[in-house]
Amino acid sequence: MLHHQGKVISRTELIEHLYDQDFDRDSNTVEVFVGRLRKKIGSDMIETIRGLGYRMGEAGDA
């Protein structure tokens, strides 16, 4: 996500990048990891774009 700041990254793109093809796509692990990231770096850094995915902003955006 850091390499694509400002770009919307779909949940599917994240799963394909992180896991093998046999990964359970109905799992909520991406949401869990995004939640953990928000706790560590601040909830305003990662924006959920409903129906599209996630977008990471820059420090100071909000």
PDB file of N, CA and C in Angstrom:
ATOM      1  N   MET A   1       0.823  -1.189   0.000  1.00  0.00           N
ATOM      2  CA  MET A   1       0.000   0.000   0.000  1.00  0.00           C
ATOM      3  C   MET A   1       0.868   1.254   0.000  1.00  0.00           C
ATOM      4  N   LEU A   2       2.011   1.173   0.657  1.00  0.00           N
ATOM      5  CA  LEU A   2       2.898   2.337   0.677  1.00  0.00           C
ATOM      6  C   LEU A   2       3.448   2.671  -0.702  1.00  0.00           C
ATOM      7  N   HIS A   3       3.664   1.661  -1.525  1.00  0.00           N
ATOM      8  CA  HIS A   3       4.190   1.893  -2.868  1.00  0.00           C
ATOM      9  C   HIS A   3       3.159   2.523  -3.790  1.00  0.00           C
ATOM     10  N   HIS A   4       1.894   2.491  -3.389  1.00  0.00           N
ATOM     11  CA  HIS A   4       0.814   3.012  -4.230  1.00  0.00           C
ATOM     12  C   HIS A   4      -0.043   4.016  -3.459  1.00  0.00           C
ATOM     13  N   GLN A   5       0.601   4.911  -2.727  1.00  0.00           N
ATOM     14  CA  GLN A   5      -0.139   5.908  -1.959  1.00  0.00           C
ATOM     15  C   GLN A   5      -1.045   6.716  -2.865  1.00  0.00           C
ATOM     16  N   GLY A   6      -2.272   6.905  -2.401  1.00  0.00           N
ATOM     17  CA  GLY A   6      -3.242   7.674  -3.151  1.00  0.00           C
ATOM     18  C   GLY A   6      -4.045   6.845  -4.134  1.00  0.00           C
ATOM     19  N   LYS A   7      -3.593   5.631  -4.429  1.00  0.00           N
ATOM     20  CA  LYS A   7      -4.283   4.755  -5.369  1.00  0.00           C
ATOM     21  C   LYS A   7      -5.183   3.795  -4.586  1.00  0.00           C
ATOM     22  N   VAL A   8      -6.383   3.553  -5.097  1.00  0.00           N
ATOM     23  CA  VAL A   8      -7.285   2.594  -4.465  1.00  0.00           C
ATOM     24  C   VAL A   8      -6.810   1.189  -4.820  1.00  0.00           C
ATOM     25  N   ILE A   9      -6.616   0.366  -3.796  1.00  0.00           N
ATOM     26  CA  ILE A   9      -6.177  -1.014  -3.976  1.00  0.00           C
ATOM     27  C   ILE A   9      -7.297  -1.917  -3.507  1.00  0.00           C
ATOM     28  N   SER A  10      -7.772  -2.763  -4.402  1.00  0.00           N
ATOM     29  CA  SER A  10      -8.893  -3.632  -4.056  1.00  0.00           C
ATOM     30  C   SER A  10      -8.452  -4.746  -3.118  1.00  0.00           C
ATOM     31  N   ARG A  11      -9.412  -5.280  -2.407  1.00  0.00           N
ATOM     32  CA  ARG A  11      -9.174  -6.411  -1.515  1.00  0.00           C
ATOM     33  C   ARG A  11      -8.613  -7.583  -2.316  1.00  0.00           C
ATOM     34  N   THR A  12      -9.135  -7.793  -3.523  1.00  0.00           N
ATOM     35  CA  THR A  12      -8.667  -8.874  -4.389  1.00  0.00           C
ATOM     36  C   THR A  12      -7.200  -8.690  -4.761  1.00  0.00           C
ATOM     37  N   GLU A  13      -6.805  -7.455  -5.088  1.00  0.00           N
ATOM     38  CA  GLU A  13      -5.398  -7.187  -5.406  1.00  0.00           C
ATOM     39  C   GLU A  13      -4.500  -7.514  -4.220  1.00  0.00           C
ATOM     40  N   LEU A  14      -4.917  -7.136  -3.028  1.00  0.00           N
ATOM     41  CA  LEU A  14      -4.127  -7.428  -1.839  1.00  0.00           C
ATOM     42  C   LEU A  14      -3.995  -8.930  -1.619  1.00  0.00           C
ATOM     43  N   ILE A  15      -5.094  -9.642  -1.749  1.00  0.00           N
ATOM     44  CA  ILE A  15      -5.074 -11.098  -1.551  1.00  0.00           C
ATOM     45  C   ILE A  15      -4.174 -11.763  -2.585  1.00  0.00           C
ATOM     46  N   GLU A  16      -4.294 -11.364  -3.852  1.00  0.00           N
ATOM     47  CA  GLU A  16      -3.476 -11.967  -4.908  1.00  0.00           C
ATOM     48  C   GLU A  16      -1.993 -11.693  -4.695  1.00  0.00           C
ATOM     49  N   HIS A  17      -1.675 -10.537  -4.155  1.00  0.00           N
ATOM     50  CA  HIS A  17      -0.280 -10.183  -3.918  1.00  0.00           C
ATOM     51  C   HIS A  17       0.301 -10.924  -2.712  1.00  0.00           C
ATOM     52  N   LEU A  18      -0.530 -11.175  -1.705  1.00  0.00           N
ATOM     53  CA  LEU A  18      -0.037 -11.734  -0.455  1.00  0.00           C
ATOM     54  C   LEU A  18      -0.117 -13.250  -0.343  1.00  0.00           C
ATOM     55  N   TYR A  19      -1.074 -13.873  -1.022  1.00  0.00           N
ATOM     56  CA  TYR A  19      -1.346 -15.290  -0.796  1.00  0.00           C
ATOM     57  C   TYR A  19      -1.297 -16.102  -2.076  1.00  0.00           C
ATOM     58  N   ASP A  20      -1.172 -17.440  -1.880  1.00  0.00           N
ATOM     59  CA  ASP A  20      -1.241 -18.380  -3.000  1.00  0.00           C
ATOM     60  C   ASP A  20      -2.653 -18.414  -3.559  1.00  0.00           C
ATOM     61  N   GLN A  21      -2.802 -19.017  -4.732  1.00  0.00           N
ATOM     62  CA  GLN A  21      -4.105 -19.090  -5.384  1.00  0.00           C
ATOM     63  C   GLN A  21      -5.135 -19.863  -4.581  1.00  0.00           C
ATOM     64  N   ASP A  22      -4.715 -20.795  -3.759  1.00  0.00           N
ATOM     65  CA  ASP A  22      -5.672 -21.626  -3.026  1.00  0.00           C
ATOM     66  C   ASP A  22      -6.158 -20.975  -1.734  1.00  0.00           C
ATOM     67  N   PHE A  23      -5.866 -19.706  -1.540  1.00  0.00           N
ATOM     68  CA  PHE A  23      -6.308 -18.997  -0.341  1.00  0.00           C
ATOM     69  C   PHE A  23      -7.819 -18.796  -0.356  1.00  0.00           C
ATOM     70  N   ASP A  24      -8.442 -18.937   0.794  1.00  0.00           N
ATOM     71  CA  ASP A  24      -9.891 -18.749   0.929  1.00  0.00           C
ATOM     72  C   ASP A  24     -10.231 -17.269   0.769  1.00  0.00           C
ATOM     73  N   ARG A  25     -10.769 -16.892  -0.367  1.00  0.00           N
ATOM     74  CA  ARG A  25     -11.060 -15.482  -0.669  1.00  0.00           C
ATOM     75  C   ARG A  25     -12.226 -14.920   0.149  1.00  0.00           C
ATOM     76  N   ASP A  26     -12.978 -15.777   0.803  1.00  0.00           N
ATOM     77  CA  ASP A  26     -14.076 -15.308   1.643  1.00  0.00           C
ATOM     78  C   ASP A  26     -13.620 -15.009   3.068  1.00  0.00           C
ATOM     79  N   SER A  27     -12.364 -15.244   3.344  1.00  0.00           N
ATOM     80  CA  SER A  27     -11.823 -14.993   4.671  1.00  0.00           C
ATOM     81  C   SER A  27     -11.742 -13.484   4.925  1.00  0.00           C
ATOM     82  N   ASN A  28     -11.754 -13.102   6.184  1.00  0.00           N
ATOM     83  CA  ASN A  28     -11.692 -11.682   6.518  1.00  0.00           C
ATOM     84  C   ASN A  28     -10.294 -11.255   6.980  1.00  0.00           C
ATOM     85  N   THR A  29      -9.266 -12.011   6.613  1.00  0.00           N
ATOM     86  CA  THR A  29      -7.922 -11.684   7.079  1.00  0.00           C
ATOM     87  C   THR A  29      -7.435 -10.320   6.599  1.00  0.00           C
ATOM     88  N   VAL A  30      -7.820  -9.902   5.396  1.00  0.00           N
ATOM     89  CA  VAL A  30      -7.394  -8.584   4.914  1.00  0.00           C
ATOM     90  C   VAL A  30      -7.972  -7.499   5.816  1.00  0.00           C
ATOM     91  N   GLU A  31      -9.234  -7.628   6.170  1.00  0.00           N
ATOM     92  CA  GLU A  31      -9.861  -6.644   7.050  1.00  0.00           C
ATOM     93  C   GLU A  31      -9.185  -6.621   8.423  1.00  0.00           C
ATOM     94  N   VAL A  32      -8.822  -7.794   8.919  1.00  0.00           N
ATOM     95  CA  VAL A  32      -8.134  -7.879  10.215  1.00  0.00           C
ATOM     96  C   VAL A  32      -6.776  -7.182  10.138  1.00  0.00           C
ATOM     97  N   PHE A  33      -6.011  -7.458   9.082  1.00  0.00           N
ATOM     98  CA  PHE A  33      -4.700  -6.831   8.931  1.00  0.00           C
ATOM     99  C   PHE A  33      -4.804  -5.322   8.755  1.00  0.00           C
ATOM    100  N   VAL A  34      -5.781  -4.860   8.007  1.00  0.00           N
ATOM    101  CA  VAL A  34      -5.977  -3.417   7.835  1.00  0.00           C
ATOM    102  C   VAL A  34      -6.329  -2.785   9.182  1.00  0.00           C
ATOM    103  N   GLY A  35      -7.161  -3.460   9.953  1.00  0.00           N
ATOM    104  CA  GLY A  35      -7.492  -2.964  11.292  1.00  0.00           C
ATOM    105  C   GLY A  35      -6.268  -2.849  12.187  1.00  0.00           C
ATOM    106  N   ARG A  36      -5.403  -3.848  12.131  1.00  0.00           N
ATOM    107  CA  ARG A  36      -4.166  -3.815  12.931  1.00  0.00           C
ATOM    108  C   ARG A  36      -3.236  -2.699  12.473  1.00  0.00           C
ATOM    109  N   LEU A  37      -3.135  -2.522  11.154  1.00  0.00           N
ATOM    110  CA  LEU A  37      -2.322  -1.419  10.629  1.00  0.00           C
ATOM    111  C   LEU A  37      -2.849  -0.070  11.098  1.00  0.00           C
ATOM    112  N   ARG A  38      -4.165   0.082  11.073  1.00  0.00           N
ATOM    113  CA  ARG A  38      -4.765   1.350  11.517  1.00  0.00           C
ATOM    114  C   ARG A  38      -4.427   1.646  12.969  1.00  0.00           C
ATOM    115  N   LYS A  39      -4.397   0.621  13.806  1.00  0.00           N
ATOM    116  CA  LYS A  39      -4.046   0.818  15.217  1.00  0.00           C
ATOM    117  C   LYS A  39      -2.599   1.264  15.367  1.00  0.00           C
ATOM    118  N   LYS A  40      -1.725   0.762  14.502  1.00  0.00           N
ATOM    119  CA  LYS A  40      -0.301   1.071  14.615  1.00  0.00           C
ATOM    120  C   LYS A  40       0.074   2.413  13.992  1.00  0.00           C
ATOM    121  N   ILE A  41      -0.513   2.737  12.838  1.00  0.00           N
ATOM    122  CA  ILE A  41      -0.079   3.949  12.131  1.00  0.00           C
ATOM    123  C   ILE A  41      -1.085   5.086  12.192  1.00  0.00           C
ATOM    124  N   GLY A  42      -2.248   4.821  12.752  1.00  0.00           N
ATOM    125  CA  GLY A  42      -3.276   5.850  12.830  1.00  0.00           C
ATOM    126  C   GLY A  42      -4.415   5.550  11.880  1.00  0.00           C
ATOM    127  N   SER A  43      -5.613   5.662  12.386  1.00  0.00           N
ATOM    128  CA  SER A  43      -6.787   5.283  11.602  1.00  0.00           C
ATOM    129  C   SER A  43      -7.035   6.203  10.411  1.00  0.00           C
ATOM    130  N   ASP A  44      -6.476   7.407  10.439  1.00  0.00           N
ATOM    131  CA  ASP A  44      -6.714   8.346   9.335  1.00  0.00           C
ATOM    132  C   ASP A  44      -5.782   8.112   8.144  1.00  0.00           C
ATOM    133  N   MET A  45      -4.837   7.194   8.262  1.00  0.00           N
ATOM    134  CA  MET A  45      -3.876   6.937   7.180  1.00  0.00           C
ATOM    135  C   MET A  45      -4.427   6.001   6.103  1.00  0.00           C
ATOM    136  N   ILE A  46      -5.339   5.103   6.488  1.00  0.00           N
ATOM    137  CA  ILE A  46      -5.912   4.152   5.534  1.00  0.00           C
ATOM    138  C   ILE A  46      -7.400   4.427   5.425  1.00  0.00           C
ATOM    139  N   GLU A  47      -7.830   4.731   4.233  1.00  0.00           N
ATOM    140  CA  GLU A  47      -9.232   5.050   3.972  1.00  0.00           C
ATOM    141  C   GLU A  47      -9.900   3.865   3.280  1.00  0.00           C
ATOM    142  N   THR A  48     -11.079   3.489   3.754  1.00  0.00           N
ATOM    143  CA  THR A  48     -11.855   2.454   3.094  1.00  0.00           C
ATOM    144  C   THR A  48     -12.738   3.113   2.050  1.00  0.00           C
ATOM    145  N   ILE A  49     -12.610   2.667   0.813  1.00  0.00           N
ATOM    146  CA  ILE A  49     -13.447   3.151  -0.276  1.00  0.00           C
ATOM    147  C   ILE A  49     -14.478   2.053  -0.516  1.00  0.00           C
ATOM    148  N   ARG A  50     -15.670   2.273  -0.034  1.00  0.00           N
ATOM    149  CA  ARG A  50     -16.699   1.240  -0.057  1.00  0.00           C
ATOM    150  C   ARG A  50     -16.944   0.704  -1.470  1.00  0.00           C
ATOM    151  N   GLY A  51     -16.883  -0.620  -1.592  1.00  0.00           N
ATOM    152  CA  GLY A  51     -17.106  -1.283  -2.862  1.00  0.00           C
ATOM    153  C   GLY A  51     -15.888  -1.338  -3.766  1.00  0.00           C
ATOM    154  N   LEU A  52     -14.811  -0.622  -3.399  1.00  0.00           N
ATOM    155  CA  LEU A  52     -13.611  -0.591  -4.237  1.00  0.00           C
ATOM    156  C   LEU A  52     -12.375  -1.154  -3.550  1.00  0.00           C
ATOM    157  N   GLY A  53     -12.120  -0.747  -2.314  1.00  0.00           N
ATOM    158  CA  GLY A  53     -10.933  -1.232  -1.623  1.00  0.00           C
ATOM    159  C   GLY A  53     -10.427  -0.235  -0.603  1.00  0.00           C
ATOM    160  N   TYR A  54      -9.112  -0.129  -0.530  1.00  0.00           N
ATOM    161  CA  TYR A  54      -8.460   0.728   0.459  1.00  0.00           C
ATOM    162  C   TYR A  54      -7.517   1.696  -0.239  1.00  0.00           C
ATOM    163  N   ARG A  55      -7.345   2.864   0.383  1.00  0.00           N
ATOM    164  CA  ARG A  55      -6.403   3.855  -0.137  1.00  0.00           C
ATOM    165  C   ARG A  55      -5.582   4.365   1.031  1.00  0.00           C
ATOM    166  N   MET A  56      -4.279   4.385   0.859  1.00  0.00           N
ATOM    167  CA  MET A  56      -3.394   4.892   1.884  1.00  0.00           C
ATOM    168  C   MET A  56      -3.039   6.329   1.548  1.00  0.00           C
ATOM    169  N   GLY A  57      -3.286   7.195   2.492  1.00  0.00           N
ATOM    170  CA  GLY A  57      -2.971   8.598   2.295  1.00  0.00           C
ATOM    171  C   GLY A  57      -1.583   8.929   2.809  1.00  0.00           C
ATOM    172  N   GLU A  58      -1.212  10.155   2.664  1.00  0.00           N
ATOM    173  CA  GLU A  58       0.071  10.626   3.172  1.00  0.00           C
ATOM    174  C   GLU A  58      -0.149  11.278   4.528  1.00  0.00           C
ATOM    175  N   ALA A  59       0.913  11.346   5.318  1.00  0.00           N
ATOM    176  CA  ALA A  59       0.812  12.011   6.607  1.00  0.00           C
ATOM    177  C   ALA A  59       0.384  13.458   6.372  1.00  0.00           C
ATOM    178  N   GLY A  60      -0.573  13.906   7.139  1.00  0.00           N
ATOM    179  CA  GLY A  60      -1.079  15.253   6.970  1.00  0.00           C
ATOM    180  C   GLY A  60      -2.349  15.311   6.159  1.00  0.00           C
ATOM    181  N   ASP A  61      -2.668  14.262   5.385  1.00  0.00           N
ATOM    182  CA  ASP A  61      -3.943  14.198   4.673  1.00  0.00           C
ATOM    183  C   ASP A  61      -5.029  13.903   5.694  1.00  0.00           C
ATOM    184  N   ALA A  62      -6.173  14.452   5.506  1.00  0.00           N
ATOM    185  CA  ALA A  62      -7.341  14.135   6.342  1.00  0.00           C
ATOM    186  C   ALA A  62      -8.276  15.293   6.397  1.00  0.00           C
TER     187      ALA A  62
END
